[in-house]
Amino acid sequence: MGVINLENLESGMVLAADAKARNGRVLLTAGSAITEKHLHIFKAWGVTEADIQGVTRQDVAAAAQVDPRILQRAQAVLKERFRHVDAGHPFMEELHRLCLLRAVKKL
């Protein structure tokens, strides 16, 4: 299971989980193949990412190809900000991942 940003979704990818609009409305069910029409619908309904079958978090990270120095700086900043949290909790892991992506973009 790998969550991929809308900009990186392609026709033919298969959803691992339902694609939902911000209001919770299901736009496309898990197991469905994404088409160009679906990508336009996702944009219109504010979908920013989708969980894709056969993609791992490592695959997503490798595709990003971030400069190691920038990644290291971002991790150092977040280490201080996340020092008091349970890093093993699934919610905190995801929050850390999202914050890391944002920090890398800023740097």
PDB file of N, CA and C in Angstrom:
ATOM      1  N   MET A   1       0.845  -1.168   0.000  1.00  0.00           N
ATOM      2  CA  MET A   1       0.000   0.000   0.000  1.00  0.00           C
ATOM      3  C   MET A   1       0.889   1.229   0.000  1.00  0.00           C
ATOM      4  N   GLY A   2       0.613   2.148  -0.923  1.00  0.00           N
ATOM      5  CA  GLY A   2       1.382   3.373  -0.996  1.00  0.00           C
ATOM      6  C   GLY A   2       0.508   4.532  -1.404  1.00  0.00           C
ATOM      7  N   VAL A   3       0.583   5.590  -0.639  1.00  0.00           N
ATOM      8  CA  VAL A   3      -0.205   6.780  -0.928  1.00  0.00           C
ATOM      9  C   VAL A   3       0.598   7.659  -1.878  1.00  0.00           C
ATOM     10  N   ILE A   4      -0.015   7.968  -3.004  1.00  0.00           N
ATOM     11  CA  ILE A   4       0.651   8.740  -4.053  1.00  0.00           C
ATOM     12  C   ILE A   4      -0.120  10.035  -4.284  1.00  0.00           C
ATOM     13  N   ASN A   5       0.609  11.137  -4.445  1.00  0.00           N
ATOM     14  CA  ASN A   5      -0.013  12.433  -4.723  1.00  0.00           C
ATOM     15  C   ASN A   5      -0.717  12.406  -6.070  1.00  0.00           C
ATOM     16  N   LEU A   6      -1.727  13.218  -6.201  1.00  0.00           N
ATOM     17  CA  LEU A   6      -2.532  13.281  -7.417  1.00  0.00           C
ATOM     18  C   LEU A   6      -1.669  13.543  -8.650  1.00  0.00           C
ATOM     19  N   GLU A   7      -0.660  14.397  -8.522  1.00  0.00           N
ATOM     20  CA  GLU A   7       0.191  14.734  -9.665  1.00  0.00           C
ATOM     21  C   GLU A   7       0.927  13.513 -10.210  1.00  0.00           C
ATOM     22  N   ASN A   8       1.137  12.494  -9.367  1.00  0.00           N
ATOM     23  CA  ASN A   8       1.898  11.321  -9.768  1.00  0.00           C
ATOM     24  C   ASN A   8       1.024  10.123 -10.129  1.00  0.00           C
ATOM     25  N   LEU A   9      -0.293  10.274 -10.009  1.00  0.00           N
ATOM     26  CA  LEU A   9      -1.195   9.179 -10.387  1.00  0.00           C
ATOM     27  C   LEU A   9      -1.244   9.052 -11.900  1.00  0.00           C
ATOM     28  N   GLU A  10      -1.401   7.813 -12.357  1.00  0.00           N
ATOM     29  CA  GLU A  10      -1.460   7.556 -13.790  1.00  0.00           C
ATOM     30  C   GLU A  10      -2.617   6.619 -14.101  1.00  0.00           C
ATOM     31  N   SER A  11      -3.100   6.695 -15.313  1.00  0.00           N
ATOM     32  CA  SER A  11      -4.141   5.776 -15.766  1.00  0.00           C
ATOM     33  C   SER A  11      -3.614   4.350 -15.655  1.00  0.00           C
ATOM     34  N   GLY A  12      -4.495   3.451 -15.248  1.00  0.00           N
ATOM     35  CA  GLY A  12      -4.127   2.047 -15.132  1.00  0.00           C
ATOM     36  C   GLY A  12      -3.749   1.630 -13.723  1.00  0.00           C
ATOM     37  N   MET A  13      -3.420   2.588 -12.851  1.00  0.00           N
ATOM     38  CA  MET A  13      -3.118   2.243 -11.465  1.00  0.00           C
ATOM     39  C   MET A  13      -4.396   1.758 -10.802  1.00  0.00           C
ATOM     40  N   VAL A  14      -4.251   0.833  -9.845  1.00  0.00           N
ATOM     41  CA  VAL A  14      -5.403   0.237  -9.170  1.00  0.00           C
ATOM     42  C   VAL A  14      -5.431   0.708  -7.718  1.00  0.00           C
ATOM     43  N   LEU A  15      -6.607   1.161  -7.285  1.00  0.00           N
ATOM     44  CA  LEU A  15      -6.764   1.671  -5.924  1.00  0.00           C
ATOM     45  C   LEU A  15      -6.720   0.547  -4.894  1.00  0.00           C
ATOM     46  N   ALA A  16      -5.984   0.770  -3.807  1.00  0.00           N
ATOM     47  CA  ALA A  16      -5.948  -0.167  -2.686  1.00  0.00           C
ATOM     48  C   ALA A  16      -7.027   0.186  -1.667  1.00  0.00           C
ATOM     49  N   ALA A  17      -7.487   1.429  -1.686  1.00  0.00           N
ATOM     50  CA  ALA A  17      -8.542   1.899  -0.781  1.00  0.00           C
ATOM     51  C   ALA A  17      -9.444   2.841  -1.572  1.00  0.00           C
ATOM     52  N   ASP A  18     -10.658   3.033  -1.078  1.00  0.00           N
ATOM     53  CA  ASP A  18     -11.599   3.934  -1.744  1.00  0.00           C
ATOM     54  C   ASP A  18     -11.000   5.334  -1.874  1.00  0.00           C
ATOM     55  N   ALA A  19     -11.227   5.965  -3.011  1.00  0.00           N
ATOM     56  CA  ALA A  19     -10.856   7.364  -3.201  1.00  0.00           C
ATOM     57  C   ALA A  19     -12.066   8.194  -2.799  1.00  0.00           C
ATOM     58  N   LYS A  20     -11.869   9.071  -1.813  1.00  0.00           N
ATOM     59  CA  LYS A  20     -12.979   9.850  -1.273  1.00  0.00           C
ATOM     60  C   LYS A  20     -12.724  11.338  -1.432  1.00  0.00           C
ATOM     61  N   ALA A  21     -13.818  12.064  -1.625  1.00  0.00           N
ATOM     62  CA  ALA A  21     -13.753  13.521  -1.657  1.00  0.00           C
ATOM     63  C   ALA A  21     -13.571  14.020  -0.229  1.00  0.00           C
ATOM     64  N   ARG A  22     -13.304  15.294  -0.076  1.00  0.00           N
ATOM     65  CA  ARG A  22     -13.097  15.870   1.258  1.00  0.00           C
ATOM     66  C   ARG A  22     -14.300  15.691   2.166  1.00  0.00           C
ATOM     67  N   ASN A  23     -15.487  15.651   1.585  1.00  0.00           N
ATOM     68  CA  ASN A  23     -16.695  15.498   2.390  1.00  0.00           C
ATOM     69  C   ASN A  23     -17.001  14.040   2.719  1.00  0.00           C
ATOM     70  N   GLY A  24     -16.135  13.107   2.300  1.00  0.00           N
ATOM     71  CA  GLY A  24     -16.311  11.694   2.600  1.00  0.00           C
ATOM     72  C   GLY A  24     -17.008  10.895   1.523  1.00  0.00           C
ATOM     73  N   ARG A  25     -17.476  11.552   0.499  1.00  0.00           N
ATOM     74  CA  ARG A  25     -18.162  10.867  -0.597  1.00  0.00           C
ATOM     75  C   ARG A  25     -17.184   9.975  -1.360  1.00  0.00           C
ATOM     76  N   VAL A  26     -17.568   8.715  -1.577  1.00  0.00           N
ATOM     77  CA  VAL A  26     -16.720   7.783  -2.310  1.00  0.00           C
ATOM     78  C   VAL A  26     -16.826   8.089  -3.795  1.00  0.00           C
ATOM     79  N   LEU A  27     -15.672   8.383  -4.390  1.00  0.00           N
ATOM     80  CA  LEU A  27     -15.629   8.702  -5.814  1.00  0.00           C
ATOM     81  C   LEU A  27     -15.269   7.482  -6.656  1.00  0.00           C
ATOM     82  N   LEU A  28     -14.445   6.594  -6.095  1.00  0.00           N
ATOM     83  CA  LEU A  28     -14.036   5.383  -6.796  1.00  0.00           C
ATOM     84  C   LEU A  28     -13.670   4.347  -5.738  1.00  0.00           C
ATOM     85  N   THR A  29     -14.173   3.140  -5.904  1.00  0.00           N
ATOM     86  CA  THR A  29     -13.975   2.109  -4.885  1.00  0.00           C
ATOM     87  C   THR A  29     -12.635   1.397  -5.041  1.00  0.00           C
ATOM     88  N   ALA A  30     -12.196   0.799  -3.939  1.00  0.00           N
ATOM     89  CA  ALA A  30     -10.950   0.029  -3.929  1.00  0.00           C
ATOM     90  C   ALA A  30     -11.031  -1.089  -4.958  1.00  0.00           C
ATOM     91  N   GLY A  31      -9.913  -1.345  -5.621  1.00  0.00           N
ATOM     92  CA  GLY A  31      -9.862  -2.380  -6.642  1.00  0.00           C
ATOM     93  C   GLY A  31     -10.150  -1.880  -8.037  1.00  0.00           C
ATOM     94  N   SER A  32     -10.567  -0.628  -8.151  1.00  0.00           N
ATOM     95  CA  SER A  32     -10.870  -0.046  -9.460  1.00  0.00           C
ATOM     96  C   SER A  32      -9.609   0.510 -10.105  1.00  0.00           C
ATOM     97  N   ALA A  33      -9.525   0.376 -11.421  1.00  0.00           N
ATOM     98  CA  ALA A  33      -8.411   0.949 -12.173  1.00  0.00           C
ATOM     99  C   ALA A  33      -8.720   2.410 -12.469  1.00  0.00           C
ATOM    100  N   ILE A  34      -7.733   3.251 -12.318  1.00  0.00           N
ATOM    101  CA  ILE A  34      -7.889   4.691 -12.547  1.00  0.00           C
ATOM    102  C   ILE A  34      -7.788   4.985 -14.045  1.00  0.00           C
ATOM    103  N   THR A  35      -8.685   5.846 -14.518  1.00  0.00           N
ATOM    104  CA  THR A  35      -8.660   6.300 -15.908  1.00  0.00           C
ATOM    105  C   THR A  35      -8.399   7.805 -15.923  1.00  0.00           C
ATOM    106  N   GLU A  36      -8.194   8.365 -17.098  1.00  0.00           N
ATOM    107  CA  GLU A  36      -8.005   9.815 -17.230  1.00  0.00           C
ATOM    108  C   GLU A  36      -9.234  10.567 -16.703  1.00  0.00           C
ATOM    109  N   LYS A  37     -10.404  10.033 -16.962  1.00  0.00           N
ATOM    110  CA  LYS A  37     -11.638  10.654 -16.489  1.00  0.00           C
ATOM    111  C   LYS A  37     -11.645  10.721 -14.959  1.00  0.00           C
ATOM    112  N   HIS A  38     -11.199   9.640 -14.311  1.00  0.00           N
ATOM    113  CA  HIS A  38     -11.138   9.626 -12.848  1.00  0.00           C
ATOM    114  C   HIS A  38     -10.183  10.696 -12.329  1.00  0.00           C
ATOM    115  N   LEU A  39      -9.065  10.890 -13.003  1.00  0.00           N
ATOM    116  CA  LEU A  39      -8.101  11.898 -12.570  1.00  0.00           C
ATOM    117  C   LEU A  39      -8.716  13.300 -12.603  1.00  0.00           C
ATOM    118  N   HIS A  40      -9.511  13.575 -13.638  1.00  0.00           N
ATOM    119  CA  HIS A  40     -10.194  14.871 -13.726  1.00  0.00           C
ATOM    120  C   HIS A  40     -11.234  15.010 -12.612  1.00  0.00           C
ATOM    121  N   ILE A  41     -11.934  13.931 -12.321  1.00  0.00           N
ATOM    122  CA  ILE A  41     -12.939  13.947 -11.246  1.00  0.00           C
ATOM    123  C   ILE A  41     -12.261  14.177  -9.901  1.00  0.00           C
ATOM    124  N   PHE A  42     -11.130  13.502  -9.674  1.00  0.00           N
ATOM    125  CA  PHE A  42     -10.398  13.688  -8.417  1.00  0.00           C
ATOM    126  C   PHE A  42     -10.004  15.154  -8.238  1.00  0.00           C
ATOM    127  N   LYS A  43      -9.506  15.776  -9.282  1.00  0.00           N
ATOM    128  CA  LYS A  43      -9.117  17.185  -9.209  1.00  0.00           C
ATOM    129  C   LYS A  43     -10.322  18.063  -8.880  1.00  0.00           C
ATOM    130  N   ALA A  44     -11.434  17.788  -9.541  1.00  0.00           N
ATOM    131  CA  ALA A  44     -12.642  18.590  -9.335  1.00  0.00           C
ATOM    132  C   ALA A  44     -13.167  18.464  -7.907  1.00  0.00           C
ATOM    133  N   TRP A  45     -13.034  17.296  -7.302  1.00  0.00           N
ATOM    134  CA  TRP A  45     -13.558  17.054  -5.967  1.00  0.00           C
ATOM    135  C   TRP A  45     -12.523  17.280  -4.869  1.00  0.00           C
ATOM    136  N   GLY A  46     -11.332  17.727  -5.221  1.00  0.00           N
ATOM    137  CA  GLY A  46     -10.339  18.065  -4.206  1.00  0.00           C
ATOM    138  C   GLY A  46      -9.561  16.891  -3.638  1.00  0.00           C
ATOM    139  N   VAL A  47      -9.521  15.771  -4.351  1.00  0.00           N
ATOM    140  CA  VAL A  47      -8.730  14.630  -3.900  1.00  0.00           C
ATOM    141  C   VAL A  47      -7.258  14.969  -4.157  1.00  0.00           C
ATOM    142  N   THR A  48      -6.426  14.830  -3.143  1.00  0.00           N
ATOM    143  CA  THR A  48      -5.022  15.193  -3.293  1.00  0.00           C
ATOM    144  C   THR A  48      -4.094  13.991  -3.408  1.00  0.00           C
ATOM    145  N   GLU A  49      -4.582  12.805  -2.992  1.00  0.00           N
ATOM    146  CA  GLU A  49      -3.754  11.609  -3.039  1.00  0.00           C
ATOM    147  C   GLU A  49      -4.626  10.370  -3.039  1.00  0.00           C
ATOM    148  N   ALA A  50      -4.029   9.243  -3.417  1.00  0.00           N
ATOM    149  CA  ALA A  50      -4.770   7.976  -3.445  1.00  0.00           C
ATOM    150  C   ALA A  50      -3.844   6.841  -3.031  1.00  0.00           C
ATOM    151  N   ASP A  51      -4.437   5.835  -2.409  1.00  0.00           N
ATOM    152  CA  ASP A  51      -3.706   4.648  -1.979  1.00  0.00           C
ATOM    153  C   ASP A  51      -3.717   3.651  -3.136  1.00  0.00           C
ATOM    154  N   ILE A  52      -2.541   3.283  -3.618  1.00  0.00           N
ATOM    155  CA  ILE A  52      -2.409   2.464  -4.822  1.00  0.00           C
ATOM    156  C   ILE A  52      -1.879   1.077  -4.483  1.00  0.00           C
ATOM    157  N   GLN A  53      -2.464   0.047  -5.098  1.00  0.00           N
ATOM    158  CA  GLN A  53      -2.021  -1.332  -4.897  1.00  0.00           C
ATOM    159  C   GLN A  53      -0.632  -1.534  -5.484  1.00  0.00           C
ATOM    160  N   GLY A  54       0.168  -2.350  -4.794  1.00  0.00           N
ATOM    161  CA  GLY A  54       1.476  -2.720  -5.307  1.00  0.00           C
ATOM    162  C   GLY A  54       2.547  -1.664  -5.152  1.00  0.00           C
ATOM    163  N   VAL A  55       2.242  -0.588  -4.442  1.00  0.00           N
ATOM    164  CA  VAL A  55       3.218   0.473  -4.220  1.00  0.00           C
ATOM    165  C   VAL A  55       3.490   0.553  -2.725  1.00  0.00           C
ATOM    166  N   THR A  56       4.761   0.539  -2.356  1.00  0.00           N
ATOM    167  CA  THR A  56       5.124   0.642  -0.951  1.00  0.00           C
ATOM    168  C   THR A  56       5.595   2.052  -0.638  1.00  0.00           C
ATOM    169  N   ARG A  57       5.719   2.361   0.637  1.00  0.00           N
ATOM    170  CA  ARG A  57       6.226   3.683   1.040  1.00  0.00           C
ATOM    171  C   ARG A  57       7.645   3.892   0.538  1.00  0.00           C
ATOM    172  N   GLN A  58       8.418   2.807   0.497  1.00  0.00           N
ATOM    173  CA  GLN A  58       9.785   2.913   0.006  1.00  0.00           C
ATOM    174  C   GLN A  58       9.791   3.292  -1.472  1.00  0.00           C
ATOM    175  N   ASP A  59       8.848   2.747  -2.239  1.00  0.00           N
ATOM    176  CA  ASP A  59       8.746   3.087  -3.656  1.00  0.00           C
ATOM    177  C   ASP A  59       8.442   4.569  -3.833  1.00  0.00           C
ATOM    178  N   VAL A  60       7.531   5.057  -3.006  1.00  0.00           N
ATOM    179  CA  VAL A  60       7.148   6.470  -3.085  1.00  0.00           C
ATOM    180  C   VAL A  60       8.336   7.352  -2.720  1.00  0.00           C
ATOM    181  N   ALA A  61       9.066   6.984  -1.680  1.00  0.00           N
ATOM    182  CA  ALA A  61      10.221   7.767  -1.246  1.00  0.00           C
ATOM    183  C   ALA A  61      11.314   7.749  -2.309  1.00  0.00           C
ATOM    184  N   ALA A  62      11.530   6.601  -2.922  1.00  0.00           N
ATOM    185  CA  ALA A  62      12.561   6.497  -3.948  1.00  0.00           C
ATOM    186  C   ALA A  62      12.215   7.341  -5.168  1.00  0.00           C
ATOM    187  N   ALA A  63      10.935   7.415  -5.487  1.00  0.00           N
ATOM    188  CA  ALA A  63      10.504   8.186  -6.650  1.00  0.00           C
ATOM    189  C   ALA A  63      10.717   9.686  -6.433  1.00  0.00           C
ATOM    190  N   ALA A  64      10.664  10.119  -5.197  1.00  0.00           N
ATOM    191  CA  ALA A  64      10.817  11.538  -4.899  1.00  0.00           C
ATOM    192  C   ALA A  64      12.228  12.031  -5.205  1.00  0.00           C
ATOM    193  N   GLN A  65      13.237  11.209  -5.000  1.00  0.00           N
ATOM    194  CA  GLN A  65      14.641  11.524  -5.272  1.00  0.00           C
ATOM    195  C   GLN A  65      15.018  12.910  -4.750  1.00  0.00           C
ATOM    196  N   VAL A  66      15.028  13.023  -3.446  1.00  0.00           N
ATOM    197  CA  VAL A  66      15.360  14.274  -2.784  1.00  0.00           C
ATOM    198  C   VAL A  66      16.868  14.330  -2.566  1.00  0.00           C
ATOM    199  N   ASP A  67      17.422  15.517  -2.685  1.00  0.00           N
ATOM    200  CA  ASP A  67      18.834  15.731  -2.398  1.00  0.00           C
ATOM    201  C   ASP A  67      19.088  15.296  -0.949  1.00  0.00           C
ATOM    202  N   PRO A  68      20.027  14.400  -0.701  1.00  0.00           N
ATOM    203  CA  PRO A  68      20.281  13.892   0.650  1.00  0.00           C
ATOM    204  C   PRO A  68      20.589  14.979   1.675  1.00  0.00           C
ATOM    205  N   ARG A  69      21.249  16.057   1.254  1.00  0.00           N
ATOM    206  CA  ARG A  69      21.558  17.138   2.189  1.00  0.00           C
ATOM    207  C   ARG A  69      20.289  17.855   2.640  1.00  0.00           C
ATOM    208  N   ILE A  70      19.366  18.068   1.714  1.00  0.00           N
ATOM    209  CA  ILE A  70      18.100  18.726   2.058  1.00  0.00           C
ATOM    210  C   ILE A  70      17.277  17.820   2.958  1.00  0.00           C
ATOM    211  N   LEU A  71      17.243  16.536   2.633  1.00  0.00           N
ATOM    212  CA  LEU A  71      16.510  15.575   3.457  1.00  0.00           C
ATOM    213  C   LEU A  71      17.075  15.540   4.868  1.00  0.00           C
ATOM    214  N   GLN A  72      18.374  15.554   4.994  1.00  0.00           N
ATOM    215  CA  GLN A  72      19.027  15.523   6.304  1.00  0.00           C
ATOM    216  C   GLN A  72      18.688  16.778   7.115  1.00  0.00           C
ATOM    217  N   ARG A  73      18.685  17.933   6.471  1.00  0.00           N
ATOM    218  CA  ARG A  73      18.328  19.182   7.161  1.00  0.00           C
ATOM    219  C   ARG A  73      16.878  19.148   7.633  1.00  0.00           C
ATOM    220  N   ALA A  74      15.987  18.658   6.775  1.00  0.00           N
ATOM    221  CA  ALA A  74      14.567  18.574   7.133  1.00  0.00           C
ATOM    222  C   ALA A  74      14.363  17.608   8.296  1.00  0.00           C
ATOM    223  N   GLN A  75      15.054  16.481   8.273  1.00  0.00           N
ATOM    224  CA  GLN A  75      14.938  15.507   9.368  1.00  0.00           C
ATOM    225  C   GLN A  75      15.437  16.090  10.684  1.00  0.00           C
ATOM    226  N   ALA A  76      16.499  16.896  10.626  1.00  0.00           N
ATOM    227  CA  ALA A  76      17.030  17.518  11.842  1.00  0.00           C
ATOM    228  C   ALA A  76      16.016  18.492  12.446  1.00  0.00           C
ATOM    229  N   VAL A  77      15.364  19.255  11.599  1.00  0.00           N
ATOM    230  CA  VAL A  77      14.341  20.193  12.075  1.00  0.00           C
ATOM    231  C   VAL A  77      13.186  19.434  12.722  1.00  0.00           C
ATOM    232  N   LEU A  78      12.733  18.376  12.056  1.00  0.00           N
ATOM    233  CA  LEU A  78      11.591  17.624  12.577  1.00  0.00           C
ATOM    234  C   LEU A  78      11.931  16.817  13.820  1.00  0.00           C
ATOM    235  N   LYS A  79      13.168  16.398  13.950  1.00  0.00           N
ATOM    236  CA  LYS A  79      13.577  15.646  15.140  1.00  0.00           C
ATOM    237  C   LYS A  79      13.321  16.475  16.393  1.00  0.00           C
ATOM    238  N   GLU A  80      13.648  17.741  16.318  1.00  0.00           N
ATOM    239  CA  GLU A  80      13.414  18.637  17.448  1.00  0.00           C
ATOM    240  C   GLU A  80      11.921  18.838  17.696  1.00  0.00           C
ATOM    241  N   ARG A  81      11.161  19.002  16.639  1.00  0.00           N
ATOM    242  CA  ARG A  81       9.718  19.255  16.784  1.00  0.00           C
ATOM    243  C   ARG A  81       8.948  18.038  17.271  1.00  0.00           C
ATOM    244  N   PHE A  82       9.428  16.845  16.961  1.00  0.00           N
ATOM    245  CA  PHE A  82       8.725  15.619  17.316  1.00  0.00           C
ATOM    246  C   PHE A  82       9.372  14.890  18.502  1.00  0.00           C
ATOM    247  N   ARG A  83      10.166  15.593  19.280  1.00  0.00           N
ATOM    248  CA  ARG A  83      10.921  14.937  20.348  1.00  0.00           C
ATOM    249  C   ARG A  83      10.055  14.389  21.473  1.00  0.00           C
ATOM    250  N   HIS A  84       8.863  14.907  21.670  1.00  0.00           N
ATOM    251  CA  HIS A  84       8.019  14.485  22.784  1.00  0.00           C
ATOM    252  C   HIS A  84       6.871  13.559  22.387  1.00  0.00           C
ATOM    253  N   VAL A  85       6.894  13.013  21.208  1.00  0.00           N
ATOM    254  CA  VAL A  85       5.778  12.179  20.751  1.00  0.00           C
ATOM    255  C   VAL A  85       6.187  10.715  20.675  1.00  0.00           C
ATOM    256  N   ASP A  86       5.181   9.851  20.643  1.00  0.00           N
ATOM    257  CA  ASP A  86       5.400   8.414  20.462  1.00  0.00           C
ATOM    258  C   ASP A  86       5.608   8.166  18.971  1.00  0.00           C
ATOM    259  N   ALA A  87       6.854   8.057  18.555  1.00  0.00           N
ATOM    260  CA  ALA A  87       7.180   7.918  17.139  1.00  0.00           C
ATOM    261  C   ALA A  87       6.663   6.611  16.544  1.00  0.00           C
ATOM    262  N   GLY A  88       6.342   5.638  17.370  1.00  0.00           N
ATOM    263  CA  GLY A  88       5.847   4.356  16.879  1.00  0.00           C
ATOM    264  C   GLY A  88       4.352   4.335  16.622  1.00  0.00           C
ATOM    265  N   HIS A  89       3.640   5.362  17.044  1.00  0.00           N
ATOM    266  CA  HIS A  89       2.193   5.403  16.841  1.00  0.00           C
ATOM    267  C   HIS A  89       1.903   5.665  15.360  1.00  0.00           C
ATOM    268  N   PRO A  90       0.972   4.903  14.743  1.00  0.00           N
ATOM    269  CA  PRO A  90       0.700   5.061  13.309  1.00  0.00           C
ATOM    270  C   PRO A  90       0.333   6.487  12.903  1.00  0.00           C
ATOM    271  N   PHE A  91      -0.452   7.160  13.723  1.00  0.00           N
ATOM    272  CA  PHE A  91      -0.836   8.534  13.385  1.00  0.00           C
ATOM    273  C   PHE A  91       0.391   9.435  13.363  1.00  0.00           C
ATOM    274  N   MET A  92       1.237   9.297  14.369  1.00  0.00           N
ATOM    275  CA  MET A  92       2.422  10.147  14.446  1.00  0.00           C
ATOM    276  C   MET A  92       3.406   9.829  13.318  1.00  0.00           C
ATOM    277  N   GLU A  93       3.491   8.565  12.928  1.00  0.00           N
ATOM    278  CA  GLU A  93       4.345   8.205  11.799  1.00  0.00           C
ATOM    279  C   GLU A  93       3.887   8.916  10.525  1.00  0.00           C
ATOM    280  N   GLU A  94       2.579   8.896  10.289  1.00  0.00           N
ATOM    281  CA  GLU A  94       2.033   9.537   9.088  1.00  0.00           C
ATOM    282  C   GLU A  94       2.185  11.054   9.160  1.00  0.00           C
ATOM    283  N   LEU A  95       1.931  11.627  10.329  1.00  0.00           N
ATOM    284  CA  LEU A  95       2.094  13.069  10.499  1.00  0.00           C
ATOM    285  C   LEU A  95       3.557  13.468  10.263  1.00  0.00           C
ATOM    286  N   HIS A  96       4.467  12.688  10.786  1.00  0.00           N
ATOM    287  CA  HIS A  96       5.896  12.953  10.579  1.00  0.00           C
ATOM    288  C   HIS A  96       6.245  12.883   9.092  1.00  0.00           C
ATOM    289  N   ARG A  97       5.713  11.876   8.399  1.00  0.00           N
ATOM    290  CA  ARG A  97       5.975  11.720   6.969  1.00  0.00           C
ATOM    291  C   ARG A  97       5.487  12.943   6.194  1.00  0.00           C
ATOM    292  N   LEU A  98       4.274  13.389   6.498  1.00  0.00           N
ATOM    293  CA  LEU A  98       3.709  14.542   5.802  1.00  0.00           C
ATOM    294  C   LEU A  98       4.496  15.819   6.109  1.00  0.00           C
ATOM    295  N   CYS A  99       4.893  15.984   7.351  1.00  0.00           N
ATOM    296  CA  CYS A  99       5.679  17.156   7.728  1.00  0.00           C
ATOM    297  C   CYS A  99       7.050  17.128   7.057  1.00  0.00           C
ATOM    298  N   LEU A 100       7.620  15.933   6.931  1.00  0.00           N
ATOM    299  CA  LEU A 100       8.918  15.806   6.263  1.00  0.00           C
ATOM    300  C   LEU A 100       8.804  16.212   4.792  1.00  0.00           C
ATOM    301  N   LEU A 101       7.751  15.774   4.132  1.00  0.00           N
ATOM    302  CA  LEU A 101       7.538  16.152   2.737  1.00  0.00           C
ATOM    303  C   LEU A 101       7.405  17.659   2.592  1.00  0.00           C
ATOM    304  N   ARG A 102       6.668  18.260   3.500  1.00  0.00           N
ATOM    305  CA  ARG A 102       6.479  19.708   3.450  1.00  0.00           C
ATOM    306  C   ARG A 102       7.793  20.451   3.726  1.00  0.00           C
ATOM    307  N   ALA A 103       8.539  19.967   4.700  1.00  0.00           N
ATOM    308  CA  ALA A 103       9.825  20.612   5.037  1.00  0.00           C
ATOM    309  C   ALA A 103      10.797  20.510   3.868  1.00  0.00           C
ATOM    310  N   VAL A 104      10.822  19.386   3.193  1.00  0.00           N
ATOM    311  CA  VAL A 104      11.708  19.214   2.042  1.00  0.00           C
ATOM    312  C   VAL A 104      11.337  20.200   0.938  1.00  0.00           C
ATOM    313  N   LYS A 105      10.043  20.385   0.719  1.00  0.00           N
ATOM    314  CA  LYS A 105       9.604  21.337  -0.317  1.00  0.00           C
ATOM    315  C   LYS A 105      10.036  22.754   0.018  1.00  0.00           C
ATOM    316  N   LYS A 106       9.951  23.116   1.308  1.00  0.00           N
ATOM    317  CA  LYS A 106      10.331  24.470   1.729  1.00  0.00           C
ATOM    318  C   LYS A 106      11.829  24.711   1.584  1.00  0.00           C
ATOM    319  N   LEU A 107      12.611  23.678   1.867  1.00  0.00           N
ATOM    320  CA  LEU A 107      14.067  23.840   1.794  1.00  0.00           C
ATOM    321  C   LEU A 107      14.518  23.779   0.357  1.00  0.00           C
TER     322      LEU A 107
END
